[in-house]
Amino acid sequence: MLNELLGFVVEHFNIPLYLITLVISIKYYKKYYDTVLKFFPIIIAYTFFNELLGYFIRYTDYAFFTENQIANDLIYNLYSIIFFGFFYIVYYQSVSSQKTRVLMKWLAGLAFLSFVINALFTDPLKVSLFYANSINSWILVIFIVLYLKDKTDWKWEREKYNLMTWISIGLGTFYFFFPILYLIGFLKYEIWQEYHLRMVLRMLIVLMNLLFCIGFIKSHRRAFG
């Protein structure tokens, strides 16, 4: 039993990592409970349980439907819509420029339209909406750039204590590279295998969550914004 548990942690270390991030986010929740990130622990918890459920669907006989693949792709497609939607709202509420907010509305509309179009040509119950996920990833990166640009008085001495800074660096780093790896995995699987890109992706997940945790620990409430 212990060997199986250790094997699971080593092979799927990203799953317990989400749990660690969740625990830290709750421990320091008082720093941001009344900010635009107040629901962030719920998103982290959702990520953890979604990954855990995905593991059981892929590697056990558990499934919602008669085919494991249908259940697996469905939960990840729904997760993507909720995850990206959450952060679009977070960054929209974090900028002050009306011009930037209008641009973000258009970008969010384009992002969700990509899910609809992708679903028209690809069955979301059977296949991951990887084109829409790639588009949404880079749109999220644009949201982050717009957020940073909106902070005209940005100074590292102050912003290093701002939780939004660490969240933005973590998300920006991961979702800049994610579409490249993601599309290679779906379109050029032999390259994905040959260069062990799954491990690269997991290392990026580790980096992203590490940056989140640094933000939770290092941030000050008065520096949030």
C-alpha atoms as a PDB file:
ATOM      1  CA  MET A   1       0.000   0.000   0.000  1.00  0.00           C
ATOM      2  CA  LEU A   2       2.793   2.422   0.948  1.00  0.00           C
ATOM      3  CA  ASN A   3       4.726   1.560  -2.202  1.00  0.00           C
ATOM      4  CA  GLU A   4       1.643   2.216  -4.323  1.00  0.00           C
ATOM      5  CA  LEU A   5       1.116   5.582  -2.642  1.00  0.00           C
ATOM      6  CA  LEU A   6       4.755   6.566  -3.162  1.00  0.00           C
ATOM      7  CA  GLY A   7       4.533   5.450  -6.766  1.00  0.00           C
ATOM      8  CA  PHE A   8       1.441   7.594  -7.282  1.00  0.00           C
ATOM      9  CA  VAL A   9       3.121  10.678  -5.740  1.00  0.00           C
ATOM     10  CA  VAL A  10       6.264  10.246  -7.843  1.00  0.00           C
ATOM     11  CA  GLU A  11       4.407   9.601 -11.103  1.00  0.00           C
ATOM     12  CA  HIS A  12       1.663  12.202 -10.568  1.00  0.00           C
ATOM     13  CA  PHE A  13       3.377  14.712  -8.288  1.00  0.00           C
ATOM     14  CA  ASN A  14       1.342  17.569  -9.737  1.00  0.00           C
ATOM     15  CA  ILE A  15      -1.796  16.281  -7.950  1.00  0.00           C
ATOM     16  CA  PRO A  16      -0.463  16.455  -4.346  1.00  0.00           C
ATOM     17  CA  LEU A  17       1.195  19.729  -5.356  1.00  0.00           C
ATOM     18  CA  TYR A  18      -2.242  21.248  -5.960  1.00  0.00           C
ATOM     19  CA  LEU A  19      -3.286  20.062  -2.514  1.00  0.00           C
ATOM     20  CA  ILE A  20      -0.234  21.722  -0.916  1.00  0.00           C
ATOM     21  CA  THR A  21      -1.006  24.948  -2.781  1.00  0.00           C
ATOM     22  CA  LEU A  22      -4.618  24.769  -1.587  1.00  0.00           C
ATOM     23  CA  VAL A  23      -3.562  24.350   2.048  1.00  0.00           C
ATOM     24  CA  ILE A  24      -1.192  27.334   1.820  1.00  0.00           C
ATOM     25  CA  SER A  25      -3.838  29.458   0.070  1.00  0.00           C
ATOM     26  CA  ILE A  26      -6.265  28.783   2.924  1.00  0.00           C
ATOM     27  CA  LYS A  27      -3.632  29.372   5.610  1.00  0.00           C
ATOM     28  CA  TYR A  28      -2.986  32.891   4.300  1.00  0.00           C
ATOM     29  CA  TYR A  29      -6.558  33.580   3.165  1.00  0.00           C
ATOM     30  CA  LYS A  30      -6.937  36.571   5.505  1.00  0.00           C
ATOM     31  CA  LYS A  31      -4.509  38.490   3.278  1.00  0.00           C
ATOM     32  CA  TYR A  32      -6.886  38.495   0.308  1.00  0.00           C
ATOM     33  CA  TYR A  33     -10.320  37.353   1.519  1.00  0.00           C
ATOM     34  CA  ASP A  34     -11.928  40.647   0.454  1.00  0.00           C
ATOM     35  CA  THR A  35     -10.147  41.045  -2.899  1.00  0.00           C
ATOM     36  CA  VAL A  36     -10.809  39.893  -6.462  1.00  0.00           C
ATOM     37  CA  LEU A  37      -8.963  36.671  -5.561  1.00  0.00           C
ATOM     38  CA  LYS A  38     -11.336  35.726  -2.743  1.00  0.00           C
ATOM     39  CA  PHE A  39     -12.586  32.696  -4.719  1.00  0.00           C
ATOM     40  CA  PHE A  40      -9.106  31.591  -5.794  1.00  0.00           C
ATOM     41  CA  PRO A  41      -8.886  28.772  -3.182  1.00  0.00           C
ATOM     42  CA  ILE A  42     -12.079  27.331  -4.674  1.00  0.00           C
ATOM     43  CA  ILE A  43     -10.440  27.290  -8.119  1.00  0.00           C
ATOM     44  CA  ILE A  44      -7.358  25.588  -6.664  1.00  0.00           C
ATOM     45  CA  ALA A  45      -9.578  23.026  -4.903  1.00  0.00           C
ATOM     46  CA  TYR A  46     -11.475  22.504  -8.160  1.00  0.00           C
ATOM     47  CA  THR A  47      -8.166  21.956  -9.961  1.00  0.00           C
ATOM     48  CA  PHE A  48      -7.050  19.414  -7.362  1.00  0.00           C
ATOM     49  CA  PHE A  49     -10.276  17.396  -7.423  1.00  0.00           C
ATOM     50  CA  ASN A  50     -10.496  17.636 -11.210  1.00  0.00           C
ATOM     51  CA  GLU A  51      -6.982  16.209 -11.577  1.00  0.00           C
ATOM     52  CA  LEU A  52      -7.723  13.534  -8.997  1.00  0.00           C
ATOM     53  CA  LEU A  53     -10.929  12.569 -10.779  1.00  0.00           C
ATOM     54  CA  GLY A  54      -9.071  12.569 -14.090  1.00  0.00           C
ATOM     55  CA  TYR A  55      -6.538  10.155 -12.609  1.00  0.00           C
ATOM     56  CA  PHE A  56      -9.244   7.747 -11.457  1.00  0.00           C
ATOM     57  CA  ILE A  57     -10.954   7.900 -14.836  1.00  0.00           C
ATOM     58  CA  ARG A  58      -7.738   7.247 -16.767  1.00  0.00           C
ATOM     59  CA  TYR A  59      -6.222   4.568 -14.573  1.00  0.00           C
ATOM     60  CA  THR A  60      -9.193   2.776 -12.987  1.00  0.00           C
ATOM     61  CA  ASP A  61     -12.549   1.416 -14.107  1.00  0.00           C
ATOM     62  CA  TYR A  62     -14.383   4.443 -12.701  1.00  0.00           C
ATOM     63  CA  ALA A  63     -16.319   6.544 -15.226  1.00  0.00           C
ATOM     64  CA  PHE A  64     -19.472   8.625 -15.506  1.00  0.00           C
ATOM     65  CA  PHE A  65     -20.269   7.116 -18.880  1.00  0.00           C
ATOM     66  CA  THR A  66     -19.715   3.810 -20.632  1.00  0.00           C
ATOM     67  CA  GLU A  67     -16.448   5.126 -22.098  1.00  0.00           C
ATOM     68  CA  ASN A  68     -13.726   6.486 -19.835  1.00  0.00           C
ATOM     69  CA  GLN A  69     -12.461   8.819 -22.567  1.00  0.00           C
ATOM     70  CA  ILE A  70     -15.810  10.611 -22.744  1.00  0.00           C
ATOM     71  CA  ALA A  71     -15.834  11.291 -19.008  1.00  0.00           C
ATOM     72  CA  ASN A  72     -12.176  12.344 -19.020  1.00  0.00           C
ATOM     73  CA  ASP A  73     -12.443  14.899 -21.839  1.00  0.00           C
ATOM     74  CA  LEU A  74     -15.752  16.268 -20.569  1.00  0.00           C
ATOM     75  CA  ILE A  75     -14.432  17.187 -17.116  1.00  0.00           C
ATOM     76  CA  TYR A  76     -11.333  18.887 -18.551  1.00  0.00           C
ATOM     77  CA  ASN A  77     -13.287  20.859 -21.150  1.00  0.00           C
ATOM     78  CA  LEU A  78     -15.697  22.123 -18.481  1.00  0.00           C
ATOM     79  CA  TYR A  79     -12.753  22.915 -16.205  1.00  0.00           C
ATOM     80  CA  SER A  80     -11.062  25.028 -18.883  1.00  0.00           C
ATOM     81  CA  ILE A  81     -14.137  27.208 -19.403  1.00  0.00           C
ATOM     82  CA  ILE A  82     -14.546  27.834 -15.661  1.00  0.00           C
ATOM     83  CA  PHE A  83     -10.818  28.359 -15.021  1.00  0.00           C
ATOM     84  CA  PHE A  84     -10.238  30.875 -17.807  1.00  0.00           C
ATOM     85  CA  GLY A  85     -13.539  32.608 -17.090  1.00  0.00           C
ATOM     86  CA  PHE A  86     -12.534  33.112 -13.469  1.00  0.00           C
ATOM     87  CA  PHE A  87      -9.264  34.807 -14.342  1.00  0.00           C
ATOM     88  CA  TYR A  88     -10.791  36.943 -17.086  1.00  0.00           C
ATOM     89  CA  ILE A  89     -13.104  38.350 -14.411  1.00  0.00           C
ATOM     90  CA  VAL A  90     -10.223  38.775 -11.937  1.00  0.00           C
ATOM     91  CA  TYR A  91      -8.109  40.790 -14.343  1.00  0.00           C
ATOM     92  CA  TYR A  92     -11.072  42.753 -15.670  1.00  0.00           C
ATOM     93  CA  GLN A  93     -11.867  43.874 -12.128  1.00  0.00           C
ATOM     94  CA  SER A  94      -8.204  44.661 -11.433  1.00  0.00           C
ATOM     95  CA  VAL A  95      -7.695  47.321 -14.106  1.00  0.00           C
ATOM     96  CA  SER A  96      -8.863  50.916 -13.887  1.00  0.00           C
ATOM     97  CA  SER A  97      -8.637  52.008 -17.527  1.00  0.00           C
ATOM     98  CA  GLN A  98     -12.035  51.939 -19.238  1.00  0.00           C
ATOM     99  CA  LYS A  99     -10.322  51.480 -22.597  1.00  0.00           C
ATOM    100  CA  THR A 100      -8.512  48.406 -21.273  1.00  0.00           C
ATOM    101  CA  ARG A 101     -11.746  47.014 -19.842  1.00  0.00           C
ATOM    102  CA  VAL A 102     -13.482  47.338 -23.215  1.00  0.00           C
ATOM    103  CA  LEU A 103     -10.585  45.525 -24.885  1.00  0.00           C
ATOM    104  CA  MET A 104     -10.760  42.776 -22.248  1.00  0.00           C
ATOM    105  CA  LYS A 105     -14.483  42.331 -22.927  1.00  0.00           C
ATOM    106  CA  TRP A 106     -13.791  41.809 -26.617  1.00  0.00           C
ATOM    107  CA  LEU A 107     -10.968  39.403 -25.879  1.00  0.00           C
ATOM    108  CA  ALA A 108     -13.131  37.421 -23.435  1.00  0.00           C
ATOM    109  CA  GLY A 109     -15.874  37.231 -26.052  1.00  0.00           C
ATOM    110  CA  LEU A 110     -13.353  35.952 -28.600  1.00  0.00           C
ATOM    111  CA  ALA A 111     -12.057  33.445 -26.040  1.00  0.00           C
ATOM    112  CA  PHE A 112     -15.444  31.895 -25.351  1.00  0.00           C
ATOM    113  CA  LEU A 113     -16.356  32.021 -29.040  1.00  0.00           C
ATOM    114  CA  SER A 114     -13.287  29.860 -29.662  1.00  0.00           C
ATOM    115  CA  PHE A 115     -14.760  27.184 -27.371  1.00  0.00           C
ATOM    116  CA  VAL A 116     -18.045  27.278 -29.294  1.00  0.00           C
ATOM    117  CA  ILE A 117     -16.344  27.059 -32.693  1.00  0.00           C
ATOM    118  CA  ASN A 118     -13.976  24.329 -31.540  1.00  0.00           C
ATOM    119  CA  ALA A 119     -16.955  22.358 -30.162  1.00  0.00           C
ATOM    120  CA  LEU A 120     -18.718  22.610 -33.545  1.00  0.00           C
ATOM    121  CA  PHE A 121     -15.865  20.815 -35.280  1.00  0.00           C
ATOM    122  CA  THR A 122     -14.717  18.586 -32.401  1.00  0.00           C
ATOM    123  CA  ASP A 123     -16.959  16.598 -30.082  1.00  0.00           C
ATOM    124  CA  PRO A 124     -16.214  18.048 -26.600  1.00  0.00           C
ATOM    125  CA  LEU A 125     -17.380  14.771 -25.033  1.00  0.00           C
ATOM    126  CA  LYS A 126     -14.741  12.733 -26.835  1.00  0.00           C
ATOM    127  CA  VAL A 127     -11.852  15.070 -27.625  1.00  0.00           C
ATOM    128  CA  SER A 128     -10.150  17.849 -25.730  1.00  0.00           C
ATOM    129  CA  LEU A 129     -10.838  21.302 -27.158  1.00  0.00           C
ATOM    130  CA  PHE A 130      -7.120  21.894 -27.571  1.00  0.00           C
ATOM    131  CA  TYR A 131      -7.376  24.691 -30.144  1.00  0.00           C
ATOM    132  CA  ALA A 132      -9.720  26.684 -27.873  1.00  0.00           C
ATOM    133  CA  ASN A 133      -7.501  25.959 -24.873  1.00  0.00           C
ATOM    134  CA  SER A 134      -4.468  27.240 -26.755  1.00  0.00           C
ATOM    135  CA  ILE A 135      -6.258  30.425 -27.823  1.00  0.00           C
ATOM    136  CA  ASN A 136      -7.534  31.020 -24.283  1.00  0.00           C
ATOM    137  CA  SER A 137      -4.060  30.474 -22.859  1.00  0.00           C
ATOM    138  CA  TRP A 138      -2.542  33.256 -24.934  1.00  0.00           C
ATOM    139  CA  ILE A 139      -5.545  35.509 -24.373  1.00  0.00           C
ATOM    140  CA  LEU A 140      -4.989  35.071 -20.628  1.00  0.00           C
ATOM    141  CA  VAL A 141      -1.354  36.086 -21.143  1.00  0.00           C
ATOM    142  CA  ILE A 142      -2.607  39.217 -22.947  1.00  0.00           C
ATOM    143  CA  PHE A 143      -4.916  39.953 -19.990  1.00  0.00           C
ATOM    144  CA  ILE A 144      -1.904  39.737 -17.677  1.00  0.00           C
ATOM    145  CA  VAL A 145       0.131  42.099 -19.874  1.00  0.00           C
ATOM    146  CA  LEU A 146      -2.785  44.553 -19.966  1.00  0.00           C
ATOM    147  CA  TYR A 147      -3.063  44.358 -16.180  1.00  0.00           C
ATOM    148  CA  LEU A 148       0.643  45.089 -15.714  1.00  0.00           C
ATOM    149  CA  LYS A 149       0.492  47.902 -18.278  1.00  0.00           C
ATOM    150  CA  ASP A 150      -2.425  49.431 -16.374  1.00  0.00           C
ATOM    151  CA  LYS A 151      -0.207  49.777 -13.290  1.00  0.00           C
ATOM    152  CA  THR A 152       1.620  52.897 -14.424  1.00  0.00           C
ATOM    153  CA  ASP A 153       3.475  53.326 -11.118  1.00  0.00           C
ATOM    154  CA  TRP A 154       4.736  49.724 -11.027  1.00  0.00           C
ATOM    155  CA  LYS A 155       7.773  49.269  -8.776  1.00  0.00           C
ATOM    156  CA  TRP A 156       9.229  45.915  -7.766  1.00  0.00           C
ATOM    157  CA  GLU A 157      10.003  47.161  -4.245  1.00  0.00           C
ATOM    158  CA  ARG A 158       6.254  47.388  -3.648  1.00  0.00           C
ATOM    159  CA  GLU A 159       4.857  44.868  -6.130  1.00  0.00           C
ATOM    160  CA  LYS A 160       6.894  41.975  -4.739  1.00  0.00           C
ATOM    161  CA  TYR A 161       4.476  42.070  -1.791  1.00  0.00           C
ATOM    162  CA  ASN A 162       1.444  42.107  -4.085  1.00  0.00           C
ATOM    163  CA  LEU A 163      -0.206  38.687  -4.420  1.00  0.00           C
ATOM    164  CA  MET A 164      -1.452  39.587  -7.895  1.00  0.00           C
ATOM    165  CA  THR A 165       2.160  39.985  -9.023  1.00  0.00           C
ATOM    166  CA  TRP A 166       3.076  36.409  -8.104  1.00  0.00           C
ATOM    167  CA  ILE A 167      -0.172  35.016  -9.512  1.00  0.00           C
ATOM    168  CA  SER A 168       0.460  36.904 -12.756  1.00  0.00           C
ATOM    169  CA  ILE A 169       4.067  35.706 -13.080  1.00  0.00           C
ATOM    170  CA  GLY A 170       2.988  32.123 -12.393  1.00  0.00           C
ATOM    171  CA  LEU A 171       0.076  32.145 -14.825  1.00  0.00           C
ATOM    172  CA  GLY A 172       1.965  34.109 -17.470  1.00  0.00           C
ATOM    173  CA  THR A 173       4.948  31.767 -17.443  1.00  0.00           C
ATOM    174  CA  PHE A 174       2.854  28.617 -17.616  1.00  0.00           C
ATOM    175  CA  TYR A 175       0.273  29.733 -20.147  1.00  0.00           C
ATOM    176  CA  PHE A 176       2.817  31.256 -22.521  1.00  0.00           C
ATOM    177  CA  PHE A 177       4.471  27.865 -23.036  1.00  0.00           C
ATOM    178  CA  PHE A 178       1.446  25.619 -22.428  1.00  0.00           C
ATOM    179  CA  PRO A 179      -0.159  26.006 -25.895  1.00  0.00           C
ATOM    180  CA  ILE A 180       3.111  25.112 -27.623  1.00  0.00           C
ATOM    181  CA  LEU A 181       3.519  21.922 -25.607  1.00  0.00           C
ATOM    182  CA  TYR A 182      -0.203  21.165 -25.740  1.00  0.00           C
ATOM    183  CA  LEU A 183      -0.445  21.381 -29.524  1.00  0.00           C
ATOM    184  CA  ILE A 184       2.716  19.310 -29.987  1.00  0.00           C
ATOM    185  CA  GLY A 185       1.205  16.655 -27.762  1.00  0.00           C
ATOM    186  CA  PHE A 186      -1.943  16.456 -29.877  1.00  0.00           C
ATOM    187  CA  LEU A 187      -0.530  17.041 -33.349  1.00  0.00           C
ATOM    188  CA  LYS A 188       3.021  15.625 -33.117  1.00  0.00           C
ATOM    189  CA  TYR A 189       2.830  12.951 -30.465  1.00  0.00           C
ATOM    190  CA  GLU A 190       6.141  11.382 -31.503  1.00  0.00           C
ATOM    191  CA  ILE A 191       7.928  14.662 -30.671  1.00  0.00           C
ATOM    192  CA  TRP A 192       6.022  14.830 -27.360  1.00  0.00           C
ATOM    193  CA  GLN A 193       7.323  11.378 -26.506  1.00  0.00           C
ATOM    194  CA  GLU A 194      10.850  11.760 -27.823  1.00  0.00           C
ATOM    195  CA  TYR A 195      11.608  14.969 -25.929  1.00  0.00           C
ATOM    196  CA  HIS A 196       9.687  14.016 -22.764  1.00  0.00           C
ATOM    197  CA  LEU A 197       7.501  17.097 -23.033  1.00  0.00           C
ATOM    198  CA  ARG A 198       5.064  15.705 -20.479  1.00  0.00           C
ATOM    199  CA  MET A 199       7.776  16.156 -17.861  1.00  0.00           C
ATOM    200  CA  VAL A 200       8.489  19.679 -19.143  1.00  0.00           C
ATOM    201  CA  LEU A 201       4.797  20.486 -18.744  1.00  0.00           C
ATOM    202  CA  ARG A 202       4.770  19.116 -15.211  1.00  0.00           C
ATOM    203  CA  MET A 203       7.853  21.139 -14.311  1.00  0.00           C
ATOM    204  CA  LEU A 204       6.026  24.253 -15.511  1.00  0.00           C
ATOM    205  CA  ILE A 205       3.094  23.269 -13.285  1.00  0.00           C
ATOM    206  CA  VAL A 206       5.508  22.979 -10.355  1.00  0.00           C
ATOM    207  CA  LEU A 207       6.978  26.404 -11.129  1.00  0.00           C
ATOM    208  CA  MET A 208       3.540  28.002 -11.417  1.00  0.00           C
ATOM    209  CA  ASN A 209       2.339  26.593  -8.108  1.00  0.00           C
ATOM    210  CA  LEU A 210       5.627  27.479  -6.425  1.00  0.00           C
ATOM    211  CA  LEU A 211       5.150  31.098  -7.508  1.00  0.00           C
ATOM    212  CA  PHE A 212       1.569  30.996  -6.199  1.00  0.00           C
ATOM    213  CA  CYS A 213       2.816  29.743  -2.826  1.00  0.00           C
ATOM    214  CA  ILE A 214       5.528  32.401  -2.648  1.00  0.00           C
ATOM    215  CA  GLY A 215       2.841  34.983  -3.273  1.00  0.00           C
ATOM    216  CA  PHE A 216       0.575  33.639  -0.551  1.00  0.00           C
ATOM    217  CA  ILE A 217       3.425  33.632   1.973  1.00  0.00           C
ATOM    218  CA  LYS A 218       5.254  36.812   0.973  1.00  0.00           C
ATOM    219  CA  SER A 219       2.348  39.108   0.100  1.00  0.00           C
ATOM    220  CA  HIS A 220       0.972  41.902   2.284  1.00  0.00           C
ATOM    221  CA  ARG A 221      -2.669  42.930   2.275  1.00  0.00           C
ATOM    222  CA  ARG A 222      -1.826  46.621   1.930  1.00  0.00           C
ATOM    223  CA  ALA A 223       0.197  45.948  -1.254  1.00  0.00           C
ATOM    224  CA  PHE A 224      -2.659  44.153  -3.035  1.00  0.00           C
ATOM    225  CA  GLY A 225      -3.923  45.682  -6.220  1.00  0.00           C
END
